[in-house]
C-alpha atoms as a PDB file:
ATOM      1  CA  MET A   1      -0.996 -19.338 -13.902  1.00  0.00           C
ATOM      2  CA  THR A   2      -1.378 -15.639 -14.519  1.00  0.00           C
ATOM      3  CA  LYS A   3       1.803 -13.793 -13.522  1.00  0.00           C
ATOM      4  CA  ILE A   4       1.949 -10.486 -11.720  1.00  0.00           C
ATOM      5  CA  ARG A   5       3.167  -7.945 -14.193  1.00  0.00           C
ATOM      6  CA  VAL A   6       5.703  -5.476 -12.719  1.00  0.00           C
ATOM      7  CA  LEU A   7       7.044  -2.169 -14.114  1.00  0.00           C
ATOM      8  CA  LEU A   8      10.323  -0.875 -12.684  1.00  0.00           C
ATOM      9  CA  VAL A   9      10.804   2.916 -12.355  1.00  0.00           C
ATOM     10  CA  ASP A  10      14.255   4.012 -11.189  1.00  0.00           C
ATOM     11  CA  ASP A  11      16.865   6.273 -12.798  1.00  0.00           C
ATOM     12  CA  HIS A  12      19.672   3.904 -11.956  1.00  0.00           C
ATOM     13  CA  ARG A  13      20.013   1.082 -14.482  1.00  0.00           C
ATOM     14  CA  ILE A  14      21.940  -1.138 -12.080  1.00  0.00           C
ATOM     15  CA  VAL A  15      19.109  -0.944  -9.525  1.00  0.00           C
ATOM     16  CA  ARG A  16      16.583  -1.898 -12.235  1.00  0.00           C
ATOM     17  CA  LEU A  17      18.811  -4.830 -13.307  1.00  0.00           C
ATOM     18  CA  GLY A  18      19.036  -6.076  -9.700  1.00  0.00           C
ATOM     19  CA  LEU A  19      15.300  -5.872  -9.193  1.00  0.00           C
ATOM     20  CA  GLN A  20      14.628  -7.526 -12.505  1.00  0.00           C
ATOM     21  CA  THR A  21      16.876 -10.448 -11.600  1.00  0.00           C
ATOM     22  CA  ILE A  22      15.057 -10.979  -8.227  1.00  0.00           C
ATOM     23  CA  ILE A  23      11.597 -10.666  -9.735  1.00  0.00           C
ATOM     24  CA  ASN A  24      12.005 -12.686 -12.901  1.00  0.00           C
ATOM     25  CA  ASP A  25      13.382 -15.570 -10.794  1.00  0.00           C
ATOM     26  CA  GLN A  26       9.846 -15.950  -9.304  1.00  0.00           C
ATOM     27  CA  PRO A  27       7.372 -18.157 -11.219  1.00  0.00           C
ATOM     28  CA  GLU A  28       4.440 -16.057 -10.215  1.00  0.00           C
ATOM     29  CA  MET A  29       5.725 -12.652 -11.392  1.00  0.00           C
ATOM     30  CA  GLU A  30       7.668 -10.971 -14.237  1.00  0.00           C
ATOM     31  CA  VAL A  31       9.099  -7.596 -15.087  1.00  0.00           C
ATOM     32  CA  VAL A  32       7.319  -6.325 -18.198  1.00  0.00           C
ATOM     33  CA  GLY A  33       9.009  -2.951 -18.551  1.00  0.00           C
ATOM     34  CA  GLU A  34      11.350  -0.303 -17.211  1.00  0.00           C
ATOM     35  CA  ALA A  35      11.508   3.430 -16.980  1.00  0.00           C
ATOM     36  CA  GLY A  36      14.106   5.917 -15.812  1.00  0.00           C
ATOM     37  CA  ASN A  37      11.952   8.983 -15.254  1.00  0.00           C
ATOM     38  CA  ALA A  38       8.366  10.076 -14.745  1.00  0.00           C
ATOM     39  CA  THR A  39       7.572  10.717 -18.374  1.00  0.00           C
ATOM     40  CA  GLU A  40       8.787   7.281 -19.418  1.00  0.00           C
ATOM     41  CA  ALA A  41       6.866   5.714 -16.520  1.00  0.00           C
ATOM     42  CA  LEU A  42       3.511   7.237 -17.567  1.00  0.00           C
ATOM     43  CA  ARG A  43       4.167   6.166 -21.114  1.00  0.00           C
ATOM     44  CA  GLU A  44       4.982   2.607 -20.153  1.00  0.00           C
ATOM     45  CA  VAL A  45       2.050   2.291 -17.750  1.00  0.00           C
ATOM     46  CA  GLU A  46      -0.283   3.360 -20.524  1.00  0.00           C
ATOM     47  CA  ARG A  47       1.298   0.895 -22.938  1.00  0.00           C
ATOM     48  CA  LEU A  48       1.782  -2.151 -20.597  1.00  0.00           C
ATOM     49  CA  LYS A  49      -0.933  -1.759 -17.993  1.00  0.00           C
ATOM     50  CA  PRO A  50       1.181  -3.398 -15.281  1.00  0.00           C
ATOM     51  CA  ASP A  51      -0.274  -4.831 -12.100  1.00  0.00           C
ATOM     52  CA  VAL A  52       2.348  -3.326  -9.818  1.00  0.00           C
ATOM     53  CA  ILE A  53       4.807  -0.440 -10.321  1.00  0.00           C
ATOM     54  CA  LEU A  54       7.919  -0.260  -8.189  1.00  0.00           C
ATOM     55  CA  MET A  55       8.477   3.509  -8.138  1.00  0.00           C
ATOM     56  CA  ASP A  56      11.586   5.346  -6.852  1.00  0.00           C
ATOM     57  CA  ILE A  57      10.569   8.618  -5.114  1.00  0.00           C
ATOM     58  CA  ARG A  58      13.441  10.672  -6.369  1.00  0.00           C
ATOM     59  CA  LEU A  59      13.568  10.795 -10.178  1.00  0.00           C
ATOM     60  CA  PRO A  60      15.138  13.337 -12.493  1.00  0.00           C
ATOM     61  CA  GLY A  61      12.685  16.028 -13.439  1.00  0.00           C
ATOM     62  CA  GLU A  62       9.182  15.188 -12.241  1.00  0.00           C
ATOM     63  CA  SER A  63       9.276  13.312  -8.952  1.00  0.00           C
ATOM     64  CA  GLY A  64       8.024   9.794  -8.374  1.00  0.00           C
ATOM     65  CA  ILE A  65       5.310  11.193  -6.171  1.00  0.00           C
ATOM     66  CA  GLU A  66       3.897  13.348  -8.984  1.00  0.00           C
ATOM     67  CA  ALA A  67       4.130  10.332 -11.360  1.00  0.00           C
ATOM     68  CA  THR A  68       2.261   8.243  -8.834  1.00  0.00           C
ATOM     69  CA  ARG A  69      -0.525  10.883  -8.511  1.00  0.00           C
ATOM     70  CA  GLU A  70      -1.048  10.850 -12.299  1.00  0.00           C
ATOM     71  CA  ILE A  71      -0.829   7.071 -12.593  1.00  0.00           C
ATOM     72  CA  THR A  72      -3.329   6.352  -9.783  1.00  0.00           C
ATOM     73  CA  LYS A  73      -5.723   8.885 -11.319  1.00  0.00           C
ATOM     74  CA  ARG A  74      -5.408   7.579 -14.924  1.00  0.00           C
ATOM     75  CA  PHE A  75      -4.750   3.918 -14.326  1.00  0.00           C
ATOM     76  CA  PRO A  76      -6.252   2.905 -10.954  1.00  0.00           C
ATOM     77  CA  ARG A  77      -5.814  -0.784 -11.529  1.00  0.00           C
ATOM     78  CA  SER A  78      -2.041  -0.391 -11.579  1.00  0.00           C
ATOM     79  CA  LYS A  79      -0.812  -0.286  -7.982  1.00  0.00           C
ATOM     80  CA  VAL A  80       2.231   1.768  -7.015  1.00  0.00           C
ATOM     81  CA  VAL A  81       4.711   0.681  -4.356  1.00  0.00           C
ATOM     82  CA  MET A  82       7.351   3.209  -3.468  1.00  0.00           C
ATOM     83  CA  LEU A  83      10.801   1.701  -3.278  1.00  0.00           C
ATOM     84  CA  THR A  84      13.260   4.166  -1.810  1.00  0.00           C
ATOM     85  CA  SER A  85      16.237   4.756   0.438  1.00  0.00           C
ATOM     86  CA  PHE A  86      14.565   7.639   2.145  1.00  0.00           C
ATOM     87  CA  THR A  87      12.297   7.551   5.257  1.00  0.00           C
ATOM     88  CA  ASP A  88      11.664  11.330   5.333  1.00  0.00           C
ATOM     89  CA  ASP A  89       8.295  11.896   6.979  1.00  0.00           C
ATOM     90  CA  SER A  90       7.042  14.408   4.432  1.00  0.00           C
ATOM     91  CA  LEU A  91       7.909  12.091   1.510  1.00  0.00           C
ATOM     92  CA  VAL A  92       6.054   9.216   3.155  1.00  0.00           C
ATOM     93  CA  PHE A  93       2.855  11.181   3.674  1.00  0.00           C
ATOM     94  CA  ARG A  94       3.026  12.748   0.239  1.00  0.00           C
ATOM     95  CA  ALA A  95       3.515   9.378  -1.466  1.00  0.00           C
ATOM     96  CA  ILE A  96       0.557   7.889   0.334  1.00  0.00           C
ATOM     97  CA  SER A  97      -1.573  10.924  -0.381  1.00  0.00           C
ATOM     98  CA  ALA A  98      -0.660  10.563  -4.071  1.00  0.00           C
ATOM     99  CA  GLY A  99      -2.154   7.036  -4.015  1.00  0.00           C
ATOM    100  CA  ALA A 100       0.709   4.719  -3.363  1.00  0.00           C
ATOM    101  CA  VAL A 101      -0.413   1.401  -1.738  1.00  0.00           C
ATOM    102  CA  GLY A 102       2.985   0.769  -0.230  1.00  0.00           C
ATOM    103  CA  TYR A 103       6.250   2.217   0.818  1.00  0.00           C
ATOM    104  CA  VAL A 104       9.228  -0.102   1.092  1.00  0.00           C
ATOM    105  CA  LEU A 105      12.903   0.725   1.768  1.00  0.00           C
ATOM    106  CA  LYS A 106      15.507  -0.397  -0.706  1.00  0.00           C
ATOM    107  CA  GLN A 107      17.353  -2.114   2.130  1.00  0.00           C
ATOM    108  CA  VAL A 108      14.557  -4.619   2.500  1.00  0.00           C
ATOM    109  CA  GLU A 109      15.271  -8.332   2.121  1.00  0.00           C
ATOM    110  CA  ASP A 110      14.358  -9.982  -1.149  1.00  0.00           C
ATOM    111  CA  ASP A 111      11.546 -12.018   0.359  1.00  0.00           C
ATOM    112  CA  GLU A 112       9.955  -8.940   1.889  1.00  0.00           C
ATOM    113  CA  LEU A 113      10.100  -7.110  -1.420  1.00  0.00           C
ATOM    114  CA  LEU A 114       8.461 -10.040  -3.205  1.00  0.00           C
ATOM    115  CA  LYS A 115       5.802 -10.223  -0.586  1.00  0.00           C
ATOM    116  CA  ALA A 116       5.183  -6.517  -0.954  1.00  0.00           C
ATOM    117  CA  ILE A 117       4.565  -6.994  -4.719  1.00  0.00           C
ATOM    118  CA  ILE A 118       2.135  -9.807  -4.151  1.00  0.00           C
ATOM    119  CA  VAL A 119       0.196  -7.915  -1.494  1.00  0.00           C
ATOM    120  CA  ALA A 120       0.124  -4.735  -3.677  1.00  0.00           C
ATOM    121  CA  ALA A 121      -1.191  -6.771  -6.641  1.00  0.00           C
ATOM    122  CA  ARG A 122      -4.213  -7.682  -4.440  1.00  0.00           C
ATOM    123  CA  GLY A 123      -4.799  -4.000  -3.856  1.00  0.00           C
ATOM    124  CA  GLU A 124      -3.747  -4.246  -0.221  1.00  0.00           C
ATOM    125  CA  ALA A 125      -1.355  -1.976   1.660  1.00  0.00           C
ATOM    126  CA  VAL A 126       2.222  -2.794   2.561  1.00  0.00           C
ATOM    127  CA  LEU A 127       4.477  -0.537   4.623  1.00  0.00           C
ATOM    128  CA  ASP A 128       7.931  -0.804   6.079  1.00  0.00           C
ATOM    129  CA  PRO A 129       7.624  -0.967   9.863  1.00  0.00           C
ATOM    130  CA  SER A 130       9.523   2.281  10.348  1.00  0.00           C
ATOM    131  CA  VAL A 131       7.067   3.992   8.043  1.00  0.00           C
ATOM    132  CA  THR A 132       4.062   2.507   9.855  1.00  0.00           C
ATOM    133  CA  SER A 133       5.121   3.955  13.187  1.00  0.00           C
ATOM    134  CA  LYS A 134       5.451   7.443  11.638  1.00  0.00           C
ATOM    135  CA  LEU A 135       1.965   7.255  10.126  1.00  0.00           C
ATOM    136  CA  ILE A 136       0.555   6.202  13.484  1.00  0.00           C
ATOM    137  CA  ALA A 137       2.192   9.136  15.181  1.00  0.00           C
ATOM    138  CA  ARG A 138       0.843  11.528  12.523  1.00  0.00           C
ATOM    139  CA  VAL A 139      -2.702  10.151  12.961  1.00  0.00           C
ATOM    140  CA  ARG A 140      -2.489  10.554  16.768  1.00  0.00           C
ATOM    141  CA  GLU A 141      -1.426  14.159  16.393  1.00  0.00           C
ATOM    142  CA  ALA A 142      -4.289  14.922  14.085  1.00  0.00           C
ATOM    143  CA  GLU A 143      -7.251  13.155  15.722  1.00  0.00           C
ATOM    144  CA  HIS A 144     -10.605  14.805  14.848  1.00  0.00           C
ATOM    145  CA  LYS A 145     -12.731  12.616  16.943  1.00  0.00           C
ATOM    146  CA  SER A 146     -12.627  11.264  20.426  1.00  0.00           C
ATOM    147  CA  ASP A 147     -11.953   7.572  20.804  1.00  0.00           C
ATOM    148  CA  GLU A 148     -15.464   7.085  22.025  1.00  0.00           C
ATOM    149  CA  ASP A 149     -16.969   8.498  18.873  1.00  0.00           C
ATOM    150  CA  ALA A 150     -14.471   7.166  16.348  1.00  0.00           C
ATOM    151  CA  PHE A 151     -16.153   3.871  15.723  1.00  0.00           C
ATOM    152  CA  ARG A 152     -19.794   4.729  16.611  1.00  0.00           C
ATOM    153  CA  ASP A 153     -21.153   3.910  13.108  1.00  0.00           C
ATOM    154  CA  LEU A 154     -19.505   0.523  12.786  1.00  0.00           C
ATOM    155  CA  SER A 155     -21.069  -2.845  13.544  1.00  0.00           C
ATOM    156  CA  GLU A 156     -19.331  -5.426  15.714  1.00  0.00           C
ATOM    157  CA  ARG A 157     -18.274  -7.465  12.691  1.00  0.00           C
ATOM    158  CA  GLU A 158     -16.931  -4.365  10.951  1.00  0.00           C
ATOM    159  CA  LEU A 159     -14.948  -3.602  14.018  1.00  0.00           C
ATOM    160  CA  ASP A 160     -13.518  -7.162  13.999  1.00  0.00           C
ATOM    161  CA  VAL A 161     -12.395  -6.763  10.355  1.00  0.00           C
ATOM    162  CA  LEU A 162     -10.923  -3.245  10.998  1.00  0.00           C
ATOM    163  CA  ASN A 163      -8.984  -4.547  14.059  1.00  0.00           C
ATOM    164  CA  LEU A 164      -7.334  -7.159  11.906  1.00  0.00           C
ATOM    165  CA  VAL A 165      -6.642  -4.667   9.179  1.00  0.00           C
ATOM    166  CA  ALA A 166      -4.877  -2.559  11.724  1.00  0.00           C
ATOM    167  CA  LYS A 167      -2.709  -5.507  12.599  1.00  0.00           C
ATOM    168  CA  GLY A 168      -1.539  -5.854   9.064  1.00  0.00           C
ATOM    169  CA  LYS A 169      -3.450  -8.916   8.162  1.00  0.00           C
ATOM    170  CA  THR A 170      -4.297  -9.614   4.511  1.00  0.00           C
ATOM    171  CA  ASN A 171      -7.840 -10.225   3.360  1.00  0.00           C
ATOM    172  CA  ALA A 172      -7.152 -13.963   3.161  1.00  0.00           C
ATOM    173  CA  GLU A 173      -5.860 -14.015   6.718  1.00  0.00           C
ATOM    174  CA  ILE A 174      -8.818 -11.991   7.929  1.00  0.00           C
ATOM    175  CA  ALA A 175     -11.226 -14.316   6.182  1.00  0.00           C
ATOM    176  CA  GLU A 176      -9.638 -17.358   7.768  1.00  0.00           C
ATOM    177  CA  SER A 177      -9.610 -15.776  11.230  1.00  0.00           C
ATOM    178  CA  LEU A 178     -13.289 -14.684  11.098  1.00  0.00           C
ATOM    179  CA  ASN A 179     -14.599 -17.721   9.087  1.00  0.00           C
ATOM    180  CA  LEU A 180     -15.637 -15.487   6.170  1.00  0.00           C
ATOM    181  CA  SER A 181     -14.936 -15.486   2.460  1.00  0.00           C
ATOM    182  CA  GLU A 182     -12.322 -13.165   1.020  1.00  0.00           C
ATOM    183  CA  ARG A 183     -15.065 -11.439  -1.009  1.00  0.00           C
ATOM    184  CA  THR A 184     -17.086 -10.811   2.175  1.00  0.00           C
ATOM    185  CA  VAL A 185     -14.011  -9.303   3.899  1.00  0.00           C
ATOM    186  CA  GLY A 186     -13.434  -7.014   0.948  1.00  0.00           C
ATOM    187  CA  ASN A 187     -17.092  -5.839   1.133  1.00  0.00           C
ATOM    188  CA  TYR A 188     -16.720  -5.134   4.836  1.00  0.00           C
ATOM    189  CA  ILE A 189     -13.560  -3.090   4.176  1.00  0.00           C
ATOM    190  CA  SER A 190     -15.315  -1.063   1.448  1.00  0.00           C
ATOM    191  CA  THR A 191     -18.269  -0.287   3.797  1.00  0.00           C
ATOM    192  CA  VAL A 192     -15.913   0.730   6.646  1.00  0.00           C
ATOM    193  CA  LEU A 193     -13.983   3.028   4.260  1.00  0.00           C
ATOM    194  CA  GLN A 194     -17.257   4.675   3.277  1.00  0.00           C
ATOM    195  CA  LYS A 195     -18.508   5.011   6.848  1.00  0.00           C
ATOM    196  CA  LEU A 196     -15.270   6.546   8.079  1.00  0.00           C
ATOM    197  CA  HIS A 197     -14.812   8.727   5.016  1.00  0.00           C
ATOM    198  CA  LEU A 198     -11.401   7.252   4.318  1.00  0.00           C
ATOM    199  CA  THR A 199      -9.861   6.336   0.956  1.00  0.00           C
ATOM    200  CA  ASN A 200      -7.559   3.406   1.422  1.00  0.00           C
ATOM    201  CA  ARG A 201      -6.331   0.555   3.652  1.00  0.00           C
ATOM    202  CA  ILE A 202      -3.367   2.529   4.959  1.00  0.00           C
ATOM    203  CA  GLU A 203      -5.673   5.252   6.295  1.00  0.00           C
ATOM    204  CA  LEU A 204      -7.946   2.617   7.797  1.00  0.00           C
ATOM    205  CA  ALA A 205      -5.067   0.963   9.719  1.00  0.00           C
ATOM    206  CA  THR A 206      -3.615   4.244  10.995  1.00  0.00           C
ATOM    207  CA  TYR A 207      -7.097   5.523  11.974  1.00  0.00           C
ATOM    208  CA  ALA A 208      -7.750   2.366  13.942  1.00  0.00           C
ATOM    209  CA  VAL A 209      -4.462   2.535  15.806  1.00  0.00           C
ATOM    210  CA  GLY A 210      -4.720   6.260  16.353  1.00  0.00           C
ATOM    211  CA  HIS A 211      -8.076   5.729  18.042  1.00  0.00           C
ATOM    212  CA  HIS A 212      -6.863   2.773  20.111  1.00  0.00           C
ATOM    213  CA  LEU A 213      -9.245   0.187  18.588  1.00  0.00           C
ATOM    214  CA  SER A 214      -7.135  -2.732  19.870  1.00  0.00           C
ATOM    215  CA  ASP A 215      -7.470  -1.439  23.448  1.00  0.00           C
ATOM    216  CA  ARG A 216     -11.232  -1.167  23.027  1.00  0.00           C
ATOM    217  CA  MET A 217     -11.452  -4.656  21.580  1.00  0.00           C
ATOM    218  CA  ALA A 218      -9.450  -6.169  24.430  1.00  0.00           C
ATOM    219  CA  LYS A 219     -11.860  -4.705  26.954  1.00  0.00           C
ATOM    220  CA  GLU A 220     -14.927  -6.209  25.334  1.00  0.00           C
END
């Protein structure tokens, strides 16, 4: 079985040690490296090519957000999950804009953290519920289309897939619900991203909720 390879980026050694203990206790994943600042993180990502990077937002010198922006640009196959104690709105939006696929609070339970790593390794989005609500609020404040026009270019099947993405379902769960293959679900998501001019799964989910897709689906 191929293990999920994880890089830990945090300036506190005791935090890295705790994370390493939790992760290495899992048969399907392993910590392959550690870094205490952004410079070390970039070097280790280039050297190790990890599947998932757990990145602290607040690092000495260059921030975790700037490191994430550089990593996602240079090493797009390595997925960054922000692991932090902070729920500051501006940090959340900046982290996601920089390319992070997830944002998880350090207070999260062990099983939720491990689930976040697995989901991120698939290239899917994972967000703490408190963060999700803030993203939804931001999207609602910045709507550029009316709800009637928001999904005009999508087929009924694409709407079905998008509705389940907005509910936080994984590709596997969507495939089972709609009786499709995971590959087909992935293709639908890619098409919807292109049609809506969005860049990632998080933006898809917040767009769908912001334009009240679930209400529309319930009426049909």
